[in-house]
PDB file of N, CA and C in Angstrom:
ATOM      1  N   UNK A   1     121.839 103.970  75.434  1.00  0.00           N
ATOM      2  CA  UNK A   1     121.578 102.742  76.166  1.00  0.00           C
ATOM      3  C   UNK A   1     121.418 103.057  77.643  1.00  0.00           C
ATOM      4  N   UNK A   2     120.384 102.533  78.286  1.00  0.00           N
ATOM      5  CA  UNK A   2     120.190 102.791  79.709  1.00  0.00           C
ATOM      6  C   UNK A   2     121.360 102.249  80.516  1.00  0.00           C
ATOM      7  N   UNK A   3     121.524 102.794  81.701  1.00  0.00           N
ATOM      8  CA  UNK A   3     122.606 102.338  82.561  1.00  0.00           C
ATOM      9  C   UNK A   3     122.101 102.257  83.998  1.00  0.00           C
ATOM     10  N   UNK A   4     122.733 101.390  84.763  1.00  0.00           N
ATOM     11  CA  UNK A   4     122.430 101.250  86.183  1.00  0.00           C
ATOM     12  C   UNK A   4     123.287 102.258  86.930  1.00  0.00           C
ATOM     13  N   UNK A   5     122.644 103.112  87.714  1.00  0.00           N
ATOM     14  CA  UNK A   5     123.322 104.135  88.489  1.00  0.00           C
ATOM     15  C   UNK A   5     122.801 104.113  89.917  1.00  0.00           C
ATOM     16  N   UNK A   6     123.605 104.646  90.812  1.00  0.00           N
ATOM     17  CA  UNK A   6     123.111 104.949  92.143  1.00  0.00           C
ATOM     18  C   UNK A   6     122.483 106.334  92.051  1.00  0.00           C
ATOM     19  N   UNK A   7     121.267 106.447  92.540  1.00  0.00           N
ATOM     20  CA  UNK A   7     120.539 107.699  92.458  1.00  0.00           C
ATOM     21  C   UNK A   7     120.206 108.149  93.873  1.00  0.00           C
ATOM     22  N   UNK A   8     120.605 109.367  94.210  1.00  0.00           N
ATOM     23  CA  UNK A   8     120.319 109.930  95.534  1.00  0.00           C
ATOM     24  C   UNK A   8     119.227 110.975  95.422  1.00  0.00           C
ATOM     25  N   UNK A   9     118.182 110.806  96.231  1.00  0.00           N
ATOM     26  CA  UNK A   9     117.105 111.776  96.307  1.00  0.00           C
ATOM     27  C   UNK A   9     116.875 112.079  97.777  1.00  0.00           C
ATOM     28  N   UNK A  10     117.078 113.331  98.128  1.00  0.00           N
ATOM     29  CA  UNK A  10     116.897 113.776  99.513  1.00  0.00           C
ATOM     30  C   UNK A  10     117.684 112.921 100.504  1.00  0.00           C
ATOM     31  N   UNK A  11     118.904 112.564 100.141  1.00  0.00           N
ATOM     32  CA  UNK A  11     119.786 111.823 101.046  1.00  0.00           C
ATOM     33  C   UNK A  11     119.630 110.318 101.015  1.00  0.00           C
ATOM     34  N   UNK A  12     118.645 109.804 100.305  1.00  0.00           N
ATOM     35  CA  UNK A  12     118.460 108.358 100.175  1.00  0.00           C
ATOM     36  C   UNK A  12     119.067 107.903  98.860  1.00  0.00           C
ATOM     37  N   UNK A  13     119.944 106.906  98.928  1.00  0.00           N
ATOM     38  CA  UNK A  13     120.611 106.410  97.728  1.00  0.00           C
ATOM     39  C   UNK A  13     120.154 104.989  97.429  1.00  0.00           C
ATOM     40  N   UNK A  14     119.724 104.778  96.212  1.00  0.00           N
ATOM     41  CA  UNK A  14     119.286 103.462  95.731  1.00  0.00           C
ATOM     42  C   UNK A  14     119.827 103.258  94.322  1.00  0.00           C
ATOM     43  N   UNK A  15     119.825 102.015  93.876  1.00  0.00           N
ATOM     44  CA  UNK A  15     120.155 101.751  92.485  1.00  0.00           C
ATOM     45  C   UNK A  15     118.917 101.949  91.632  1.00  0.00           C
ATOM     46  N   UNK A  16     119.117 102.445  90.449  1.00  0.00           N
ATOM     47  CA  UNK A  16     118.017 102.635  89.518  1.00  0.00           C
ATOM     48  C   UNK A  16     118.541 102.629  88.104  1.00  0.00           C
ATOM     49  N   UNK A  17     117.634 102.692  87.159  1.00  0.00           N
ATOM     50  CA  UNK A  17     118.017 102.749  85.751  1.00  0.00           C
ATOM     51  C   UNK A  17     117.845 104.170  85.245  1.00  0.00           C
ATOM     52  N   UNK A  18     118.832 104.671  84.583  1.00  0.00           N
ATOM     53  CA  UNK A  18     118.773 105.971  83.933  1.00  0.00           C
ATOM     54  C   UNK A  18     118.783 105.762  82.436  1.00  0.00           C
ATOM     55  N   UNK A  19     117.923 106.472  81.759  1.00  0.00           N
ATOM     56  CA  UNK A  19     117.980 106.423  80.304  1.00  0.00           C
ATOM     57  C   UNK A  19     119.079 107.366  79.839  1.00  0.00           C
ATOM     58  N   UNK A  20     119.622 107.082  78.692  1.00  0.00           N
ATOM     59  CA  UNK A  20     120.736 107.860  78.159  1.00  0.00           C
ATOM     60  C   UNK A  20     120.263 109.151  77.506  1.00  0.00           C
ATOM     61  N   UNK A  21     119.099 109.089  76.877  1.00  0.00           N
ATOM     62  CA  UNK A  21     118.620 110.251  76.127  1.00  0.00           C
ATOM     63  C   UNK A  21     117.115 110.392  76.286  1.00  0.00           C
ATOM     64  N   UNK A  22     116.541 111.390  75.635  1.00  0.00           N
ATOM     65  CA  UNK A  22     115.124 111.697  75.786  1.00  0.00           C
ATOM     66  C   UNK A  22     114.226 110.671  75.100  1.00  0.00           C
ATOM     67  N   UNK A  23     113.059 110.450  75.721  1.00  0.00           N
ATOM     68  CA  UNK A  23     112.068 109.521  75.184  1.00  0.00           C
ATOM     69  C   UNK A  23     110.738 110.253  75.106  1.00  0.00           C
ATOM     70  N   UNK A  24     110.063 110.124  73.981  1.00  0.00           N
ATOM     71  CA  UNK A  24     108.750 110.742  73.803  1.00  0.00           C
ATOM     72  C   UNK A  24     108.708 111.589  72.548  1.00  0.00           C
ATOM     73  N   UNK A  25     107.664 112.387  72.431  1.00  0.00           N
ATOM     74  CA  UNK A  25     107.480 113.243  71.256  1.00  0.00           C
ATOM     75  C   UNK A  25     108.672 114.182  71.136  1.00  0.00           C
ATOM     76  N   UNK A  26     109.330 114.175  69.976  1.00  0.00           N
ATOM     77  CA  UNK A  26     110.489 115.033  69.742  1.00  0.00           C
ATOM     78  C   UNK A  26     111.759 114.529  70.394  1.00  0.00           C
ATOM     79  N   UNK A  27     111.719 113.370  71.036  1.00  0.00           N
ATOM     80  CA  UNK A  27     112.888 112.819  71.714  1.00  0.00           C
ATOM     81  C   UNK A  27     113.784 112.031  70.780  1.00  0.00           C
ATOM     82  N   UNK A  28     114.942 111.652  71.291  1.00  0.00           N
ATOM     83  CA  UNK A  28     115.873 110.834  70.519  1.00  0.00           C
ATOM     84  C   UNK A  28     115.320 109.422  70.331  1.00  0.00           C
ATOM     85  N   UNK A  29     114.652 108.898  71.363  1.00  0.00           N
ATOM     86  CA  UNK A  29     113.955 107.608  71.307  1.00  0.00           C
ATOM     87  C   UNK A  29     114.861 106.439  70.922  1.00  0.00           C
ATOM     88  N   UNK A  30     115.995 106.336  71.591  1.00  0.00           N
ATOM     89  CA  UNK A  30     116.848 105.154  71.409  1.00  0.00           C
ATOM     90  C   UNK A  30     116.063 103.929  71.881  1.00  0.00           C
ATOM     91  N   UNK A  31     116.082 102.831  71.124  1.00  0.00           N
ATOM     92  CA  UNK A  31     115.278 101.659  71.471  1.00  0.00           C
ATOM     93  C   UNK A  31     115.488 101.154  72.901  1.00  0.00           C
ATOM     94  N   UNK A  32     116.727 101.141  73.393  1.00  0.00           N
ATOM     95  CA  UNK A  32     116.962 100.680  74.765  1.00  0.00           C
ATOM     96  C   UNK A  32     116.314 101.590  75.795  1.00  0.00           C
ATOM     97  N   UNK A  33     116.376 102.891  75.554  1.00  0.00           N
ATOM     98  CA  UNK A  33     115.751 103.855  76.461  1.00  0.00           C
ATOM     99  C   UNK A  33     114.236 103.734  76.425  1.00  0.00           C
ATOM    100  N   UNK A  34     113.676 103.597  75.228  1.00  0.00           N
ATOM    101  CA  UNK A  34     112.229 103.440  75.080  1.00  0.00           C
ATOM    102  C   UNK A  34     111.773 102.178  75.805  1.00  0.00           C
ATOM    103  N   UNK A  35     112.534 101.105  75.677  1.00  0.00           N
ATOM    104  CA  UNK A  35     112.199  99.841  76.328  1.00  0.00           C
ATOM    105  C   UNK A  35     112.138 100.008  77.844  1.00  0.00           C
ATOM    106  N   UNK A  36     113.096 100.721  78.429  1.00  0.00           N
ATOM    107  CA  UNK A  36     113.096 100.953  79.881  1.00  0.00           C
ATOM    108  C   UNK A  36     111.856 101.736  80.304  1.00  0.00           C
ATOM    109  N   UNK A  37     111.528 102.785  79.564  1.00  0.00           N
ATOM    110  CA  UNK A  37     110.352 103.592  79.891  1.00  0.00           C
ATOM    111  C   UNK A  37     109.078 102.757  79.769  1.00  0.00           C
ATOM    112  N   UNK A  38     108.967 101.974  78.712  1.00  0.00           N
ATOM    113  CA  UNK A  38     107.791 101.118  78.534  1.00  0.00           C
ATOM    114  C   UNK A  38     107.679 100.092  79.672  1.00  0.00           C
ATOM    115  N   UNK A  39     108.810  99.509  80.057  1.00  0.00           N
ATOM    116  CA  UNK A  39     108.811  98.528  81.146  1.00  0.00           C
ATOM    117  C   UNK A  39     108.418  99.187  82.467  1.00  0.00           C
ATOM    118  N   UNK A  40     108.858 100.438  82.685  1.00  0.00           N
ATOM    119  CA  UNK A  40     108.478 101.162  83.894  1.00  0.00           C
ATOM    120  C   UNK A  40     106.963 101.357  83.943  1.00  0.00           C
ATOM    121  N   UNK A  41     106.378 101.755  82.819  1.00  0.00           N
ATOM    122  CA  UNK A  41     104.927 101.942  82.790  1.00  0.00           C
ATOM    123  C   UNK A  41     104.192 100.620  83.001  1.00  0.00           C
ATOM    124  N   UNK A  42     104.706  99.552  82.455  1.00  0.00           N
ATOM    125  CA  UNK A  42     104.088  98.231  82.657  1.00  0.00           C
ATOM    126  C   UNK A  42     104.135  97.850  84.142  1.00  0.00           C
ATOM    127  N   UNK A  43     105.283  98.130  84.779  1.00  0.00           N
ATOM    128  CA  UNK A  43     105.426  97.868  86.209  1.00  0.00           C
ATOM    129  C   UNK A  43     104.417  98.699  87.010  1.00  0.00           C
ATOM    130  N   UNK A  44     104.294  99.990  86.692  1.00  0.00           N
ATOM    131  CA  UNK A  44     103.340 100.851  87.398  1.00  0.00           C
ATOM    132  C   UNK A  44     101.906 100.366  87.189  1.00  0.00           C
ATOM    133  N   UNK A  45     101.603  99.898  85.983  1.00  0.00           N
ATOM    134  CA  UNK A  45     100.274  99.372  85.692  1.00  0.00           C
ATOM    135  C   UNK A  45      99.932  98.242  86.667  1.00  0.00           C
ATOM    136  N   UNK A  46     100.881  97.339  86.855  1.00  0.00           N
ATOM    137  CA  UNK A  46     100.645  96.195  87.744  1.00  0.00           C
ATOM    138  C   UNK A  46     100.657  96.619  89.213  1.00  0.00           C
ATOM    139  N   UNK A  47     101.586  97.482  89.605  1.00  0.00           N
ATOM    140  CA  UNK A  47     101.688  97.938  90.988  1.00  0.00           C
ATOM    141  C   UNK A  47     100.438  98.695  91.415  1.00  0.00           C
ATOM    142  N   UNK A  48      99.968  99.614  90.578  1.00  0.00           N
ATOM    143  CA  UNK A  48      98.852 100.473  90.936  1.00  0.00           C
ATOM    144  C   UNK A  48      97.508  99.755  90.895  1.00  0.00           C
ATOM    145  N   UNK A  49      97.487  98.463  90.582  1.00  0.00           N
ATOM    146  CA  UNK A  49      96.249  97.682  90.654  1.00  0.00           C
ATOM    147  C   UNK A  49      95.922  97.338  92.106  1.00  0.00           C
ATOM    148  N   UNK A  50      96.914  97.464  92.995  1.00  0.00           N
ATOM    149  CA  UNK A  50      96.721  97.124  94.411  1.00  0.00           C
ATOM    150  C   UNK A  50      95.766  98.127  95.058  1.00  0.00           C
ATOM    151  N   UNK A  51      94.982  97.650  96.026  1.00  0.00           N
ATOM    152  CA  UNK A  51      93.990  98.522  96.683  1.00  0.00           C
ATOM    153  C   UNK A  51      94.584  99.792  97.295  1.00  0.00           C
ATOM    154  N   UNK A  52      95.799  99.731  97.795  1.00  0.00           N
ATOM    155  CA  UNK A  52      96.387 100.920  98.423  1.00  0.00           C
ATOM    156  C   UNK A  52      96.691 102.035  97.428  1.00  0.00           C
ATOM    157  N   UNK A  53      96.596 101.738  96.146  1.00  0.00           N
ATOM    158  CA  UNK A  53      96.806 102.750  95.100  1.00  0.00           C
ATOM    159  C   UNK A  53      95.501 103.101  94.396  1.00  0.00           C
ATOM    160  N   UNK A  54      94.395 102.991  95.095  1.00  0.00           N
ATOM    161  CA  UNK A  54      93.074 103.225  94.488  1.00  0.00           C
ATOM    162  C   UNK A  54      92.975 104.601  93.838  1.00  0.00           C
ATOM    163  N   UNK A  55      93.651 105.594  94.408  1.00  0.00           N
ATOM    164  CA  UNK A  55      93.588 106.947  93.843  1.00  0.00           C
ATOM    165  C   UNK A  55      94.233 107.024  92.464  1.00  0.00           C
ATOM    166  N   UNK A  56      95.048 106.038  92.113  1.00  0.00           N
ATOM    167  CA  UNK A  56      95.749 106.045  90.832  1.00  0.00           C
ATOM    168  C   UNK A  56      95.146 105.077  89.820  1.00  0.00           C
ATOM    169  N   UNK A  57      94.064 104.388  90.190  1.00  0.00           N
ATOM    170  CA  UNK A  57      93.483 103.386  89.284  1.00  0.00           C
ATOM    171  C   UNK A  57      93.093 103.971  87.932  1.00  0.00           C
ATOM    172  N   UNK A  58      92.542 105.163  87.910  1.00  0.00           N
ATOM    173  CA  UNK A  58      92.121 105.736  86.624  1.00  0.00           C
ATOM    174  C   UNK A  58      93.321 106.102  85.756  1.00  0.00           C
ATOM    175  N   UNK A  59      94.412 106.503  86.382  1.00  0.00           N
ATOM    176  CA  UNK A  59      95.620 106.870  85.639  1.00  0.00           C
ATOM    177  C   UNK A  59      96.305 105.648  85.032  1.00  0.00           C
ATOM    178  N   UNK A  60      96.242 104.524  85.719  1.00  0.00           N
ATOM    179  CA  UNK A  60      97.003 103.347  85.300  1.00  0.00           C
ATOM    180  C   UNK A  60      96.516 102.722  84.002  1.00  0.00           C
ATOM    181  N   UNK A  61      95.281 102.955  83.602  1.00  0.00           N
ATOM    182  CA  UNK A  61      94.740 102.292  82.412  1.00  0.00           C
ATOM    183  C   UNK A  61      95.568 102.569  81.157  1.00  0.00           C
ATOM    184  N   UNK A  62      96.162 103.747  81.046  1.00  0.00           N
ATOM    185  CA  UNK A  62      96.974 104.068  79.875  1.00  0.00           C
ATOM    186  C   UNK A  62      98.382 103.509  79.925  1.00  0.00           C
ATOM    187  N   UNK A  63      98.707 102.815  81.016  1.00  0.00           N
ATOM    188  CA  UNK A  63     100.072 102.323  81.197  1.00  0.00           C
ATOM    189  C   UNK A  63     100.238 100.851  80.814  1.00  0.00           C
ATOM    190  N   UNK A  64      99.190 100.221  80.305  1.00  0.00           N
ATOM    191  CA  UNK A  64      99.304  98.819  79.897  1.00  0.00           C
ATOM    192  C   UNK A  64     100.017  98.758  78.550  1.00  0.00           C
ATOM    193  N   UNK A  65     101.339  98.785  78.621  1.00  0.00           N
ATOM    194  CA  UNK A  65     102.166  98.769  77.416  1.00  0.00           C
ATOM    195  C   UNK A  65     102.816  97.408  77.260  1.00  0.00           C
ATOM    196  N   UNK A  66     103.165  97.084  76.044  1.00  0.00           N
ATOM    197  CA  UNK A  66     103.907  95.858  75.742  1.00  0.00           C
ATOM    198  C   UNK A  66     105.300  96.297  75.313  1.00  0.00           C
ATOM    199  N   UNK A  67     106.260  96.260  76.246  1.00  0.00           N
ATOM    200  CA  UNK A  67     107.603  96.772  75.954  1.00  0.00           C
ATOM    201  C   UNK A  67     108.246  96.089  74.747  1.00  0.00           C
ATOM    202  N   UNK A  68     108.583  96.911  73.750  1.00  0.00           N
ATOM    203  CA  UNK A  68     109.248  96.386  72.561  1.00  0.00           C
ATOM    204  C   UNK A  68     110.353  97.315  72.060  1.00  0.00           C
ATOM    205  N   UNK A  69     110.521  98.460  72.723  1.00  0.00           N
ATOM    206  CA  UNK A  69     111.591  99.377  72.343  1.00  0.00           C
ATOM    207  C   UNK A  69     111.254 100.326  71.207  1.00  0.00           C
ATOM    208  N   UNK A  70     110.025 100.234  70.651  1.00  0.00           N
ATOM    209  CA  UNK A  70     109.663 101.187  69.587  1.00  0.00           C
ATOM    210  C   UNK A  70     108.700 102.220  70.131  1.00  0.00           C
ATOM    211  N   UNK A  71     108.990 103.464  69.808  1.00  0.00           N
ATOM    212  CA  UNK A  71     108.131 104.554  70.261  1.00  0.00           C
ATOM    213  C   UNK A  71     106.831 104.506  69.474  1.00  0.00           C
ATOM    214  N   UNK A  72     105.718 104.720  70.162  1.00  0.00           N
ATOM    215  CA  UNK A  72     104.418 104.703  69.498  1.00  0.00           C
ATOM    216  C   UNK A  72     103.473 105.640  70.246  1.00  0.00           C
ATOM    217  N   UNK A  73     102.290 105.817  69.736  1.00  0.00           N
ATOM    218  CA  UNK A  73     101.336 106.762  70.323  1.00  0.00           C
ATOM    219  C   UNK A  73     100.961 106.381  71.750  1.00  0.00           C
ATOM    220  N   UNK A  74     100.804 105.092  72.010  1.00  0.00           N
ATOM    221  CA  UNK A  74     100.427 104.652  73.354  1.00  0.00           C
ATOM    222  C   UNK A  74     101.524 104.997  74.363  1.00  0.00           C
ATOM    223  N   UNK A  75     102.789 104.832  73.968  1.00  0.00           N
ATOM    224  CA  UNK A  75     103.905 105.188  74.847  1.00  0.00           C
ATOM    225  C   UNK A  75     103.936 106.695  75.063  1.00  0.00           C
ATOM    226  N   UNK A  76     103.776 107.459  73.996  1.00  0.00           N
ATOM    227  CA  UNK A  76     103.754 108.919  74.121  1.00  0.00           C
ATOM    228  C   UNK A  76     102.610 109.382  75.023  1.00  0.00           C
ATOM    229  N   UNK A  77     101.446 108.759  74.895  1.00  0.00           N
ATOM    230  CA  UNK A  77     100.305 109.120  75.742  1.00  0.00           C
ATOM    231  C   UNK A  77     100.579 108.806  77.213  1.00  0.00           C
ATOM    232  N   UNK A  78     101.223 107.663  77.476  1.00  0.00           N
ATOM    233  CA  UNK A  78     101.551 107.297  78.857  1.00  0.00           C
ATOM    234  C   UNK A  78     102.522 108.305  79.463  1.00  0.00           C
ATOM    235  N   UNK A  79     103.528 108.699  78.698  1.00  0.00           N
ATOM    236  CA  UNK A  79     104.500 109.695  79.167  1.00  0.00           C
ATOM    237  C   UNK A  79     103.781 111.003  79.486  1.00  0.00           C
ATOM    238  N   UNK A  80     102.938 111.445  78.582  1.00  0.00           N
ATOM    239  CA  UNK A  80     102.217 112.705  78.762  1.00  0.00           C
ATOM    240  C   UNK A  80     101.309 112.642  80.001  1.00  0.00           C
ATOM    241  N   UNK A  81     100.585 111.548  80.176  1.00  0.00           N
ATOM    242  CA  UNK A  81      99.698 111.402  81.335  1.00  0.00           C
ATOM    243  C   UNK A  81     100.490 111.405  82.635  1.00  0.00           C
ATOM    244  N   UNK A  82     101.589 110.682  82.649  1.00  0.00           N
ATOM    245  CA  UNK A  82     102.437 110.610  83.838  1.00  0.00           C
ATOM    246  C   UNK A  82     102.966 111.994  84.195  1.00  0.00           C
ATOM    247  N   UNK A  83     103.495 112.691  83.211  1.00  0.00           N
ATOM    248  CA  UNK A  83     104.047 114.025  83.460  1.00  0.00           C
ATOM    249  C   UNK A  83     102.965 114.996  83.908  1.00  0.00           C
ATOM    250  N   UNK A  84     101.826 114.947  83.274  1.00  0.00           N
ATOM    251  CA  UNK A  84     100.734 115.860  83.618  1.00  0.00           C
ATOM    252  C   UNK A  84     100.276 115.628  85.059  1.00  0.00           C
ATOM    253  N   UNK A  85     100.162 114.374  85.450  1.00  0.00           N
ATOM    254  CA  UNK A  85      99.671 114.048  86.786  1.00  0.00           C
ATOM    255  C   UNK A  85     100.707 114.372  87.867  1.00  0.00           C
ATOM    256  N   UNK A  86     101.960 113.979  87.645  1.00  0.00           N
ATOM    257  CA  UNK A  86     102.964 114.070  88.706  1.00  0.00           C
ATOM    258  C   UNK A  86     103.773 115.356  88.718  1.00  0.00           C
ATOM    259  N   UNK A  87     103.769 116.112  87.660  1.00  0.00           N
ATOM    260  CA  UNK A  87     104.581 117.332  87.615  1.00  0.00           C
ATOM    261  C   UNK A  87     104.162 118.324  88.687  1.00  0.00           C
ATOM    262  N   UNK A  88     102.924 118.280  89.111  1.00  0.00           N
ATOM    263  CA  UNK A  88     102.449 119.224  90.122  1.00  0.00           C
ATOM    264  C   UNK A  88     102.635 118.711  91.549  1.00  0.00           C
ATOM    265  N   UNK A  89     103.132 117.499  91.701  1.00  0.00           N
ATOM    266  CA  UNK A  89     103.291 116.917  93.030  1.00  0.00           C
ATOM    267  C   UNK A  89     104.610 117.365  93.653  1.00  0.00           C
ATOM    268  N   UNK A  90     104.547 118.026  94.774  1.00  0.00           N
ATOM    269  CA  UNK A  90     105.754 118.484  95.468  1.00  0.00           C
ATOM    270  C   UNK A  90     106.595 117.268  95.851  1.00  0.00           C
ATOM    271  N   UNK A  91     107.892 117.370  95.587  1.00  0.00           N
ATOM    272  CA  UNK A  91     108.805 116.296  95.947  1.00  0.00           C
ATOM    273  C   UNK A  91     108.973 115.237  94.875  1.00  0.00           C
ATOM    274  N   UNK A  92     108.199 115.308  93.823  1.00  0.00           N
ATOM    275  CA  UNK A  92     108.333 114.310  92.770  1.00  0.00           C
ATOM    276  C   UNK A  92     109.303 114.803  91.704  1.00  0.00           C
ATOM    277  N   UNK A  93     109.045 115.961  91.110  1.00  0.00           N
ATOM    278  CA  UNK A  93     109.926 116.492  90.081  1.00  0.00           C
ATOM    279  C   UNK A  93     110.302 117.921  90.424  1.00  0.00           C
ATOM    280  N   UNK A  94     111.590 118.183  90.454  1.00  0.00           N
ATOM    281  CA  UNK A  94     112.057 119.544  90.584  1.00  0.00           C
ATOM    282  C   UNK A  94     112.064 120.130  91.978  1.00  0.00           C
ATOM    283  N   UNK A  95     111.584 119.409  92.962  1.00  0.00           N
ATOM    284  CA  UNK A  95     111.522 119.968  94.300  1.00  0.00           C
ATOM    285  C   UNK A  95     112.419 119.232  95.281  1.00  0.00           C
ATOM    286  N   UNK A  96     113.211 118.300  94.825  1.00  0.00           N
ATOM    287  CA  UNK A  96     114.112 117.612  95.726  1.00  0.00           C
ATOM    288  C   UNK A  96     115.490 117.544  95.076  1.00  0.00           C
ATOM    289  N   UNK A  97     116.496 117.428  95.902  1.00  0.00           N
ATOM    290  CA  UNK A  97     117.865 117.393  95.398  1.00  0.00           C
ATOM    291  C   UNK A  97     118.130 116.030  94.786  1.00  0.00           C
ATOM    292  N   UNK A  98     118.614 116.037  93.553  1.00  0.00           N
ATOM    293  CA  UNK A  98     118.943 114.792  92.857  1.00  0.00           C
ATOM    294  C   UNK A  98     120.423 114.767  92.554  1.00  0.00           C
ATOM    295  N   UNK A  99     121.008 113.623  92.737  1.00  0.00           N
ATOM    296  CA  UNK A  99     122.428 113.479  92.432  1.00  0.00           C
ATOM    297  C   UNK A  99     122.632 112.084  91.875  1.00  0.00           C
ATOM    298  N   UNK A 100     123.265 112.019  90.743  1.00  0.00           N
ATOM    299  CA  UNK A 100     123.566 110.733  90.114  1.00  0.00           C
ATOM    300  C   UNK A 100     124.999 110.375  90.460  1.00  0.00           C
ATOM    301  N   UNK A 101     125.176 109.202  91.029  1.00  0.00           N
ATOM    302  CA  UNK A 101     126.517 108.733  91.381  1.00  0.00           C
ATOM    303  C   UNK A 101     126.855 107.621  90.404  1.00  0.00           C
ATOM    304  N   UNK A 102     127.781 107.876  89.507  1.00  0.00           N
ATOM    305  CA  UNK A 102     128.160 106.871  88.500  1.00  0.00           C
ATOM    306  C   UNK A 102     128.954 105.774  89.157  1.00  0.00           C
ATOM    307  N   UNK A 103     128.693 104.541  88.736  1.00  0.00           N
ATOM    308  CA  UNK A 103     129.460 103.408  89.237  1.00  0.00           C
ATOM    309  C   UNK A 103     130.815 103.329  88.574  1.00  0.00           C
TER     310      UNK A 103
END
């Protein structure tokens, strides 16, 4: 089950949602965790429609998900696209200090 945590990245602390286990191909895919991931992609789909995110318009098309908590091919494709695009971006994954502060 997802949980609300304080998440610190590079000295900035905000509240966020953490999934409990892995989501995607070969993942545990707990329905609550899948629902959070699907909702995140739905949020990005709507956010990236804004003109200031024009560089991401082509990526967002695969993120129009209907959150229901069940893992499916569309969710797996969105995860794969997101990881493929952002994994190479400095400061996004693996290049900044992360610390989870449990409430």
